[in-house]
Amino acid sequence: MTDLSELDRGAASGAADPVKVLLHRHRELCERAVDPLEIAAGLEAHGITDRTAARFRHRDVFSLAEELYARVPRDADTAADASAAPAREGDRRRSVAVLLLPLLPGTLCAAALIALARTHGQTRLYAAAAGVVAVALALRAALRRGPLALPHALASRSATGSWTCWLLVYAVLGDGLLRTAVAGGPDGLPDGTAGGDWPVALAPLLALTLAVAPATWTAGLFLTHARRKLAASRGLEDFAASVRPVLLSAVALFLGALAALVALCAPFLDAGPVALAVLALGVLLFVARLLTVHGFTRAPRVILMLTAVAQVLAPATVFAARLPGCAALGAPVEALTAASGPSAVPVLTCGAGALTLLVHASRTLARASAHLRPEQAR
């Protein structure tokens, strides 16, 4: 915080125009900003608080940002007005894509599951491979646009994709493996059915791919309302207090949509009740993505990694318990499975991870600087 200390000393030294010093320090931010709100968020990202703003003869960061915005000349306003119509047309096309593209993963997943139900033997294997590729490409396309898309500046720093894949694989195969492992199996590889030696649960995968659409739309609502709260707030603490209920409402809205999808998918696939495990995993992935797109990549990466490792260790300890003298290794997981079923493992691991990230998000996403694009926060 060397720059902030120098600014404080300059403001406290009685300089004739302390705001001019601040403008010089953050000229690039002020010139790029499209409104004073972006300047306010950028100043907070650099450690300037309402108390610091008082030293620059302003009541809060927002009024300081308004003066900085007014001081920067903007010769490109006329050119911007001339290009407003084509920009609006492009925005409309992007809005349609954001609205419809998130429906693609769930649609393709449903089609793939129908194909699996009507095929047998080697043909089923080909249908499964084609379905996995199609759904993966659809997910990639859906997550590259809209409110859940990662900015280019964050793409190289976010490495949550592999851990997310592990969690999805466990949602499909993990409970069946754990149940048969406790019973002494498995005696064969999964055959894509719920009644084989290694039962496969496809309802969670269908529900989660269908949930991409409500996740995208809910994230868009959160971003829109957070921006409105930022415009209406007159202080950083005021904004933090007003945006936390918006975040919790967004998570609750997504949770309700996911619960409805789970209730619809389970009877369609003749599956048992898997609601709690899928809900916990869905909320975990949703909050992790929200944090990641806002630039907070470390916590989602660590929590997803720990969750995936914990789930892999559950059946691993049961298998390790079969070694001579290692029976105690599998006792905790076997006791948990006997008491609550194999789904207790993802419920506990994903639930703990989701709760941890939600608490973290309620602090980090309540900052004005969290709603800047990465290139604006420099």
Protein backbone atom coordinates (compact mmCIF):
# COMPACT_ATOMS: atom_id res chain seq x y z
CA MET A 1 0.00 0.00 0.00
CA THR A 2 2.88 2.41 -0.73
CA ASP A 3 0.76 4.49 -3.11
CA LEU A 4 -2.01 4.85 -0.54
CA SER A 5 0.43 5.97 2.16
CA GLU A 6 1.89 8.60 -0.17
CA LEU A 7 -1.58 9.85 -1.05
CA ASP A 8 -2.52 10.10 2.63
CA ARG A 9 0.63 12.11 3.33
CA GLY A 10 -0.09 14.36 0.38
CA ALA A 11 -3.67 14.96 1.50
CA ALA A 12 -2.63 15.56 5.10
CA SER A 13 0.17 17.95 4.17
CA GLY A 14 -2.32 20.59 3.12
CA ALA A 15 -1.65 20.45 -0.61
CA ALA A 16 -3.57 23.08 -2.59
CA ASP A 17 -5.35 20.41 -4.63
CA PRO A 18 -5.00 16.93 -3.11
CA VAL A 19 -7.56 15.49 -5.55
CA LYS A 20 -5.21 16.40 -8.41
CA VAL A 21 -2.56 14.13 -6.87
CA LEU A 22 -5.07 11.30 -6.72
CA LEU A 23 -6.14 11.92 -10.31
CA HIS A 24 -2.53 11.73 -11.43
CA ARG A 25 -2.06 8.41 -9.65
CA HIS A 26 -5.20 6.85 -11.11
CA ARG A 27 -5.56 8.67 -14.45
CA GLU A 28 -5.77 5.46 -16.46
CA LEU A 29 -8.64 4.19 -14.31
CA CYS A 30 -10.48 7.52 -14.54
CA GLU A 31 -10.05 7.77 -18.32
CA ARG A 32 -11.33 4.23 -18.94
CA ALA A 33 -14.34 4.51 -16.61
CA VAL A 34 -17.74 4.90 -18.22
CA ASP A 35 -19.26 6.34 -15.04
CA PRO A 36 -18.19 7.44 -11.54
CA LEU A 37 -19.24 4.07 -10.09
CA GLU A 38 -16.36 2.32 -11.85
CA ILE A 39 -13.94 4.86 -10.43
CA ALA A 40 -15.36 4.34 -6.92
CA ALA A 41 -14.96 0.57 -7.22
CA GLY A 42 -11.46 0.97 -8.61
CA LEU A 43 -10.43 3.27 -5.76
CA GLU A 44 -11.69 0.70 -3.25
CA ALA A 45 -9.64 -1.97 -5.03
CA HIS A 46 -6.58 0.20 -4.40
CA GLY A 47 -7.37 0.45 -0.68
CA ILE A 48 -9.07 3.86 -0.58
CA THR A 49 -11.95 3.89 1.91
CA ASP A 50 -14.54 6.45 3.01
CA ARG A 51 -12.17 7.49 5.81
CA THR A 52 -9.42 8.11 3.26
CA ALA A 53 -11.85 10.12 1.12
CA ALA A 54 -12.47 12.43 4.07
CA ARG A 55 -8.80 13.42 3.93
CA PHE A 56 -9.43 14.56 0.37
CA ARG A 57 -12.29 16.78 1.60
CA HIS A 58 -15.06 14.41 0.50
CA ARG A 59 -17.69 12.67 2.60
CA ASP A 60 -17.18 9.26 0.92
CA VAL A 61 -15.47 7.44 -1.94
CA PHE A 62 -18.48 7.92 -4.21
CA SER A 63 -18.41 11.72 -4.10
CA LEU A 64 -14.64 11.64 -4.58
CA ALA A 65 -15.13 9.43 -7.64
CA GLU A 66 -17.69 11.85 -9.05
CA GLU A 67 -15.18 14.70 -8.89
CA LEU A 68 -12.46 12.57 -10.48
CA TYR A 69 -14.84 11.57 -13.26
CA ALA A 70 -15.82 15.19 -13.88
CA ARG A 71 -12.18 16.31 -14.09
CA VAL A 72 -11.17 13.90 -16.83
CA PRO A 73 -11.76 15.33 -20.37
CA ARG A 74 -13.77 13.00 -22.64
CA ASP A 75 -13.33 13.96 -26.28
CA ALA A 76 -14.70 10.66 -27.53
CA ASP A 77 -18.27 11.29 -26.39
CA THR A 78 -19.47 12.32 -29.86
CA ALA A 79 -17.94 9.28 -31.51
CA ALA A 80 -19.49 7.08 -28.84
CA ASP A 81 -22.94 8.53 -29.57
CA ALA A 82 -22.50 7.88 -33.29
CA SER A 83 -21.74 4.22 -32.67
CA ALA A 84 -24.51 3.73 -30.12
CA ALA A 85 -27.03 2.25 -32.57
CA PRO A 86 -24.78 -0.55 -33.90
CA ALA A 87 -23.70 -1.30 -30.32
CA ARG A 88 -27.32 -1.66 -29.23
CA GLU A 89 -27.99 -4.05 -32.10
CA GLY A 90 -24.99 -6.15 -31.06
CA ASP A 91 -26.20 -6.11 -27.46
CA ARG A 92 -29.58 -7.47 -28.54
CA ARG A 93 -27.96 -10.34 -30.43
CA ARG A 94 -25.75 -11.14 -27.43
CA SER A 95 -28.78 -11.05 -25.14
CA VAL A 96 -30.58 -13.65 -27.28
CA ALA A 97 -27.47 -15.86 -27.22
CA VAL A 98 -27.17 -15.53 -23.44
CA LEU A 99 -30.85 -16.40 -23.08
CA LEU A 100 -30.89 -19.48 -25.31
CA LEU A 101 -27.36 -20.91 -25.23
CA PRO A 102 -27.57 -22.10 -21.57
CA LEU A 103 -30.47 -24.37 -22.59
CA LEU A 104 -28.21 -26.34 -24.92
CA PRO A 105 -26.29 -28.52 -22.37
CA GLY A 106 -29.45 -29.83 -20.72
CA THR A 107 -31.14 -30.44 -24.07
CA LEU A 108 -28.18 -32.43 -25.42
CA CYS A 109 -27.85 -34.34 -22.15
CA ALA A 110 -31.52 -35.36 -22.31
CA ALA A 111 -31.06 -36.47 -25.93
CA ALA A 112 -27.96 -38.48 -24.99
CA LEU A 113 -29.78 -40.24 -22.16
CA ILE A 114 -32.65 -41.15 -24.48
CA ALA A 115 -30.10 -42.59 -26.90
CA LEU A 116 -28.53 -44.60 -24.07
CA ALA A 117 -31.90 -46.02 -23.07
CA ARG A 118 -32.56 -47.25 -26.62
CA THR A 119 -29.17 -48.80 -27.36
CA HIS A 120 -27.31 -51.87 -26.14
CA GLY A 121 -23.82 -53.34 -26.15
CA GLN A 122 -21.14 -51.57 -28.14
CA THR A 123 -23.63 -49.17 -29.67
CA ARG A 124 -24.42 -47.88 -26.18
CA LEU A 125 -20.72 -47.22 -25.62
CA TYR A 126 -20.55 -45.15 -28.80
CA ALA A 127 -23.71 -43.27 -27.83
CA ALA A 128 -22.28 -42.52 -24.38
CA ALA A 129 -19.00 -41.21 -25.84
CA ALA A 130 -20.82 -39.03 -28.34
CA GLY A 131 -23.11 -37.70 -25.62
CA VAL A 132 -20.21 -36.81 -23.33
CA VAL A 133 -18.44 -34.92 -26.12
CA ALA A 134 -21.60 -33.07 -27.17
CA VAL A 135 -22.52 -32.04 -23.63
CA ALA A 136 -18.95 -30.95 -22.87
CA LEU A 137 -18.84 -28.75 -25.99
CA ALA A 138 -22.24 -27.29 -25.16
CA LEU A 139 -21.14 -26.50 -21.60
CA ARG A 140 -18.01 -24.82 -22.90
CA ALA A 141 -20.04 -22.70 -25.31
CA ALA A 142 -22.61 -21.77 -22.66
CA LEU A 143 -19.96 -20.75 -20.13
CA ARG A 144 -18.01 -18.61 -22.58
CA ARG A 145 -20.77 -16.00 -22.85
CA GLY A 146 -22.99 -14.20 -20.43
CA PRO A 147 -22.67 -13.55 -16.70
CA LEU A 148 -20.91 -16.87 -15.99
CA ALA A 149 -18.21 -16.30 -18.61
CA LEU A 150 -14.63 -15.87 -17.41
CA PRO A 151 -12.85 -12.69 -18.49
CA HIS A 152 -9.74 -13.33 -20.57
CA ALA A 153 -7.58 -11.97 -17.77
CA LEU A 154 -8.81 -14.73 -15.45
CA ALA A 155 -8.90 -17.67 -17.84
CA SER A 156 -5.29 -18.64 -17.17
CA ARG A 157 -5.64 -18.25 -13.39
CA SER A 158 -8.77 -20.36 -12.96
CA ALA A 159 -8.02 -24.09 -12.83
CA THR A 160 -11.32 -25.40 -11.47
CA GLY A 161 -12.40 -27.33 -14.56
CA SER A 162 -10.62 -30.57 -13.69
CA TRP A 163 -11.96 -30.61 -10.12
CA THR A 164 -15.46 -29.87 -11.38
CA CYS A 165 -15.18 -32.87 -13.72
CA TRP A 166 -14.14 -35.06 -10.77
CA LEU A 167 -17.19 -33.94 -8.81
CA LEU A 168 -19.51 -34.62 -11.74
CA VAL A 169 -18.00 -38.06 -12.28
CA TYR A 170 -18.53 -38.87 -8.61
CA ALA A 171 -22.13 -37.68 -8.84
CA VAL A 172 -22.68 -40.26 -11.59
CA LEU A 173 -20.53 -43.16 -10.37
CA GLY A 174 -19.52 -42.48 -6.78
CA ASP A 175 -22.59 -43.54 -4.81
CA GLY A 176 -22.90 -46.80 -6.74
CA LEU A 177 -19.21 -47.58 -6.25
CA LEU A 178 -19.34 -46.83 -2.53
CA ARG A 179 -22.45 -48.94 -2.00
CA THR A 180 -20.98 -51.96 -3.80
CA ALA A 181 -17.58 -51.44 -2.14
CA VAL A 182 -19.14 -51.63 1.32
CA ALA A 183 -20.96 -54.79 0.22
CA GLY A 184 -17.73 -56.40 -0.99
CA GLY A 185 -17.78 -55.50 -4.69
CA PRO A 186 -17.77 -54.34 -7.35
CA ASP A 187 -17.67 -57.45 -9.50
CA GLY A 188 -17.61 -55.61 -12.83
CA LEU A 189 -17.37 -52.28 -14.60
CA PRO A 190 -20.35 -49.91 -14.91
CA ASP A 191 -22.65 -50.76 -17.83
CA GLY A 192 -24.58 -47.49 -17.86
CA THR A 193 -27.57 -48.81 -15.92
CA ALA A 194 -28.77 -48.41 -12.36
CA GLY A 195 -29.09 -52.17 -11.84
CA GLY A 196 -25.62 -53.42 -12.79
CA ASP A 197 -22.71 -54.50 -10.62
CA TRP A 198 -21.65 -50.86 -10.48
CA PRO A 199 -24.86 -48.76 -10.49
CA VAL A 200 -24.81 -45.49 -12.42
CA ALA A 201 -26.89 -42.46 -11.41
CA LEU A 202 -27.77 -40.33 -14.43
CA ALA A 203 -30.45 -38.13 -12.83
CA PRO A 204 -27.85 -35.85 -11.13
CA LEU A 205 -26.07 -35.25 -14.44
CA LEU A 206 -29.29 -34.37 -16.23
CA ALA A 207 -30.43 -32.07 -13.43
CA LEU A 208 -27.09 -30.26 -13.26
CA THR A 209 -26.84 -29.72 -17.02
CA LEU A 210 -30.41 -28.43 -17.11
CA ALA A 211 -29.48 -26.14 -14.20
CA VAL A 212 -26.94 -24.30 -16.37
CA ALA A 213 -29.81 -22.17 -17.67
CA PRO A 214 -31.21 -20.99 -14.29
CA ALA A 215 -27.63 -20.56 -13.02
CA THR A 216 -26.84 -18.21 -15.92
CA TRP A 217 -30.06 -16.24 -15.59
CA THR A 218 -29.76 -16.01 -11.80
CA ALA A 219 -26.16 -14.80 -12.06
CA GLY A 220 -27.34 -12.16 -14.53
CA LEU A 221 -30.00 -10.99 -12.08
CA PHE A 222 -27.42 -10.80 -9.31
CA LEU A 223 -25.06 -8.71 -11.45
CA THR A 224 -27.88 -6.37 -12.52
CA HIS A 225 -29.18 -5.82 -9.00
CA ALA A 226 -25.68 -5.45 -7.57
CA ARG A 227 -25.00 -2.73 -10.14
CA ARG A 228 -28.20 -0.95 -9.15
CA LYS A 229 -27.26 -1.14 -5.49
CA LEU A 230 -23.87 0.30 -6.38
CA ALA A 231 -25.55 3.21 -8.16
CA ALA A 232 -27.91 3.86 -5.23
CA SER A 233 -25.31 3.54 -2.46
CA ARG A 234 -23.50 6.51 -0.97
CA GLY A 235 -20.78 4.61 0.85
CA LEU A 236 -18.83 1.38 0.75
CA GLU A 237 -20.42 0.04 3.93
CA ASP A 238 -23.86 0.99 2.64
CA PHE A 239 -23.23 -0.97 -0.55
CA ALA A 240 -21.90 -4.02 1.34
CA ALA A 241 -24.97 -4.12 3.59
CA SER A 242 -27.36 -3.84 0.64
CA VAL A 243 -25.73 -6.36 -1.71
CA ARG A 244 -25.47 -9.28 0.73
CA PRO A 245 -29.24 -9.95 0.71
CA VAL A 246 -29.11 -9.82 -3.10
CA LEU A 247 -26.41 -12.51 -3.12
CA LEU A 248 -28.31 -14.75 -0.69
CA SER A 249 -31.52 -14.27 -2.69
CA ALA A 250 -29.73 -15.25 -5.90
CA VAL A 251 -28.39 -18.44 -4.30
CA ALA A 252 -31.82 -19.25 -2.87
CA LEU A 253 -33.45 -18.67 -6.27
CA PHE A 254 -30.99 -20.99 -7.98
CA LEU A 255 -31.45 -23.58 -5.23
CA GLY A 256 -35.21 -23.54 -5.76
CA ALA A 257 -34.82 -23.93 -9.53
CA LEU A 258 -32.38 -26.81 -9.07
CA ALA A 259 -34.71 -28.53 -6.59
CA ALA A 260 -37.53 -28.35 -9.14
CA LEU A 261 -35.29 -29.84 -11.83
CA VAL A 262 -34.18 -32.68 -9.55
CA ALA A 263 -37.80 -33.47 -8.73
CA LEU A 264 -38.60 -33.64 -12.45
CA CYS A 265 -35.53 -35.63 -13.51
CA ALA A 266 -35.62 -38.42 -10.91
CA PRO A 267 -39.00 -39.92 -11.96
CA PHE A 268 -38.07 -39.50 -15.64
CA LEU A 269 -35.03 -41.75 -15.12
CA ASP A 270 -36.66 -44.06 -12.55
CA ALA A 271 -34.06 -42.84 -10.06
CA GLY A 272 -34.24 -42.72 -6.31
CA PRO A 273 -34.26 -39.51 -4.25
CA VAL A 274 -30.90 -37.83 -4.77
CA ALA A 275 -32.05 -34.33 -3.95
CA LEU A 276 -29.74 -33.36 -1.11
CA ALA A 277 -26.52 -34.52 -2.79
CA VAL A 278 -27.34 -32.82 -6.09
CA LEU A 279 -28.51 -29.63 -4.39
CA ALA A 280 -25.30 -29.40 -2.37
CA LEU A 281 -23.15 -29.98 -5.46
CA GLY A 282 -25.16 -27.52 -7.55
CA VAL A 283 -24.87 -24.72 -5.00
CA LEU A 284 -21.16 -25.44 -4.57
CA LEU A 285 -20.52 -25.12 -8.30
CA PHE A 286 -22.75 -22.05 -8.63
CA VAL A 287 -21.10 -20.06 -5.83
CA ALA A 288 -17.64 -21.17 -6.98
CA ARG A 289 -18.37 -19.86 -10.49
CA LEU A 290 -19.74 -16.56 -9.16
CA LEU A 291 -16.57 -16.00 -7.17
CA THR A 292 -14.35 -16.97 -10.09
CA VAL A 293 -15.94 -14.63 -12.62
CA HIS A 294 -15.51 -11.79 -10.15
CA GLY A 295 -11.78 -12.43 -9.89
CA PHE A 296 -11.65 -14.48 -6.68
CA THR A 297 -10.11 -17.66 -8.07
CA ARG A 298 -8.08 -19.08 -5.19
CA ALA A 299 -10.88 -19.98 -2.76
CA PRO A 300 -13.04 -21.82 -5.36
CA ARG A 301 -10.01 -23.74 -6.61
CA VAL A 302 -8.98 -24.84 -3.11
CA ILE A 303 -12.50 -25.75 -1.96
CA LEU A 304 -13.33 -27.71 -5.12
CA MET A 305 -10.03 -29.55 -4.85
CA LEU A 306 -10.59 -30.46 -1.19
CA THR A 307 -14.16 -31.57 -1.92
CA ALA A 308 -13.10 -33.79 -4.82
CA VAL A 309 -10.25 -35.31 -2.81
CA ALA A 310 -12.55 -36.04 0.13
CA GLN A 311 -15.03 -37.81 -2.13
CA VAL A 312 -12.33 -39.91 -3.80
CA LEU A 313 -10.93 -40.88 -0.39
CA ALA A 314 -14.29 -42.22 0.79
CA PRO A 315 -14.36 -45.38 -1.40
CA ALA A 316 -10.56 -45.54 -1.33
CA THR A 317 -10.58 -46.07 2.44
CA VAL A 318 -13.15 -48.85 2.07
CA PHE A 319 -10.93 -50.64 -0.44
CA ALA A 320 -7.85 -50.01 1.71
CA ALA A 321 -9.65 -51.59 4.68
CA ARG A 322 -9.48 -54.95 2.86
CA LEU A 323 -5.72 -55.03 3.33
CA PRO A 324 -4.45 -57.06 6.31
CA GLY A 325 -4.45 -55.01 9.49
CA CYS A 326 -6.17 -51.98 7.88
CA ALA A 327 -9.80 -52.71 8.76
CA ALA A 328 -10.05 -49.53 10.85
CA LEU A 329 -9.45 -47.32 7.80
CA GLY A 330 -12.86 -47.95 6.34
CA ALA A 331 -14.81 -47.91 9.59
CA PRO A 332 -15.87 -44.20 9.52
CA VAL A 333 -17.14 -44.33 5.92
CA GLU A 334 -18.86 -47.69 6.46
CA ALA A 335 -20.59 -46.39 9.58
CA LEU A 336 -21.73 -43.24 7.77
CA THR A 337 -23.00 -45.27 4.82
CA ALA A 338 -24.84 -47.67 7.08
CA ALA A 339 -26.53 -44.81 8.93
CA SER A 340 -27.43 -42.48 6.07
CA GLY A 341 -26.61 -44.21 2.80
CA PRO A 342 -23.79 -43.54 0.34
CA SER A 343 -25.23 -40.14 -0.61
CA ALA A 344 -24.21 -38.87 2.84
CA VAL A 345 -20.63 -38.48 1.56
CA PRO A 346 -21.42 -35.93 -1.20
CA VAL A 347 -24.01 -34.24 1.00
CA LEU A 348 -21.44 -33.59 3.74
CA THR A 349 -18.48 -32.75 1.50
CA CYS A 350 -20.33 -30.58 -1.02
CA GLY A 351 -22.48 -29.01 1.69
CA ALA A 352 -19.46 -28.00 3.73
CA GLY A 353 -17.71 -26.65 0.64
CA ALA A 354 -20.78 -24.70 -0.49
CA LEU A 355 -21.28 -23.18 2.96
CA THR A 356 -17.62 -22.17 3.17
CA LEU A 357 -17.70 -20.50 -0.25
CA LEU A 358 -21.01 -18.79 0.51
CA VAL A 359 -19.59 -17.23 3.67
CA HIS A 360 -16.52 -16.16 1.69
CA ALA A 361 -18.70 -14.75 -1.10
CA SER A 362 -20.84 -12.75 1.35
CA ARG A 363 -17.67 -10.88 2.29
CA THR A 364 -15.84 -10.59 -1.03
CA LEU A 365 -18.77 -9.97 -3.39
CA ALA A 366 -20.03 -7.26 -1.05
CA ARG A 367 -17.08 -5.08 -2.08
CA ALA A 368 -17.63 -2.50 -4.78
CA SER A 369 -14.31 -3.48 -6.35
CA ALA A 370 -15.60 -7.02 -6.90
CA HIS A 371 -17.92 -5.70 -9.59
CA LEU A 372 -15.16 -4.29 -11.75
CA ARG A 373 -13.84 -6.12 -14.78
CA PRO A 374 -10.26 -7.27 -14.11
CA GLU A 375 -8.75 -4.78 -16.57
CA GLN A 376 -10.59 -1.93 -14.83
CA ALA A 377 -9.17 -2.72 -11.40
CA ARG A 378 -5.58 -2.06 -12.37
